[in-house]
Amino acid sequence: MEEDWDTLVLLDACRSDMFFRLCEFSGTFSRRYSKGSTSAEFLAENFGGEQFHDTVYVSANPHTADLADETFHAHEDVYRTDWDDERQTVTPEAMNEAVRAAHESYPHKRIIAHYMQPHYPFLGSLGEEIEHRGYAPDGDFDAVGASIWTQLQTGTADVSRSRVIKAYEENLRLVLEELEPLLQDIDGKVVISADHGNLIGERGWPIPVRMYGHPGRSGARGLIEVPWFEFPYESRRDVTSDAPTEQERDADNDDLEDRLKALGYQ
């Protein structure tokens, strides 16, 4: 939070090398190191027990439900209001609308916009051909089985590693394409980063087995190295700190658990 930005766009499970290769925006690219290798660790290490009343958190990630109400000036829980039951995630389009609304409603606040992509479920045409956890419209998550990364890890996947990586890249392209019109609509200094990265078959150490996904408490470079992309800007937001808004955040734990399962967290 000590970094300099007005709007921080967080991509979920985004590798810095892949972002650098696929990003076509004009700006300044560098890297940072995340404090966590999972979303839960990232949130706890950066925001747990702290207060940032100059900031509004707009989130597609259900893990942000664990943050205390008083952590930010306001929470916009898009994973509750705009969850796509068919795709089992929050789409980039839904997040864009929520981020635009937050900029209008909170003109004097920093905005954190936590998108769910490129984390699966894979939304592109290639990704939709792969059976993987995240596509369970009937709620039968046990029938879907383990996450696609776990399947690759255990050798039980019926699809090749290269095909899964292409679907993951496709998910990143999709969210970057959707971000382009949003970035033209919002003011201030905008930065794109990630909560953590994602392993795609790197050899572990000291046991040299291939590793996938984002296991917890890992210091693997592919997990903790994240992109930091700063856009050029002409003006800044006039940011002030104010007492948290009074909000009644929906506490439907059954829905929350189903959404965490859809994203492979349970």
Foldseek 3Di string as FASTA:
>chain_A
DPDDWQEEEAAAQAFAVLCVVQDPDDFDKDKDFACWLHLLRRCCVPQNPAAAQLEEEEDQDLSCVPHDCRRYLHYRHCVVVAQDLQQLTHDLVSLLVVVLVCCVVRLQGRYYRYHHPPQDPQDDPLSVVAQAQLRDSVLPRVVSPAGPQVCVQVVNGPDDLVSVVVSSSNRVNRNSVSCVVSVVNHAAKYKYKHNWHWFSFAADPPHGGTHTGGDTPDPDCRTGMMMITIDDHDDHGNTDGDGHDDDDDDDPVVSSVSSCSSSRND
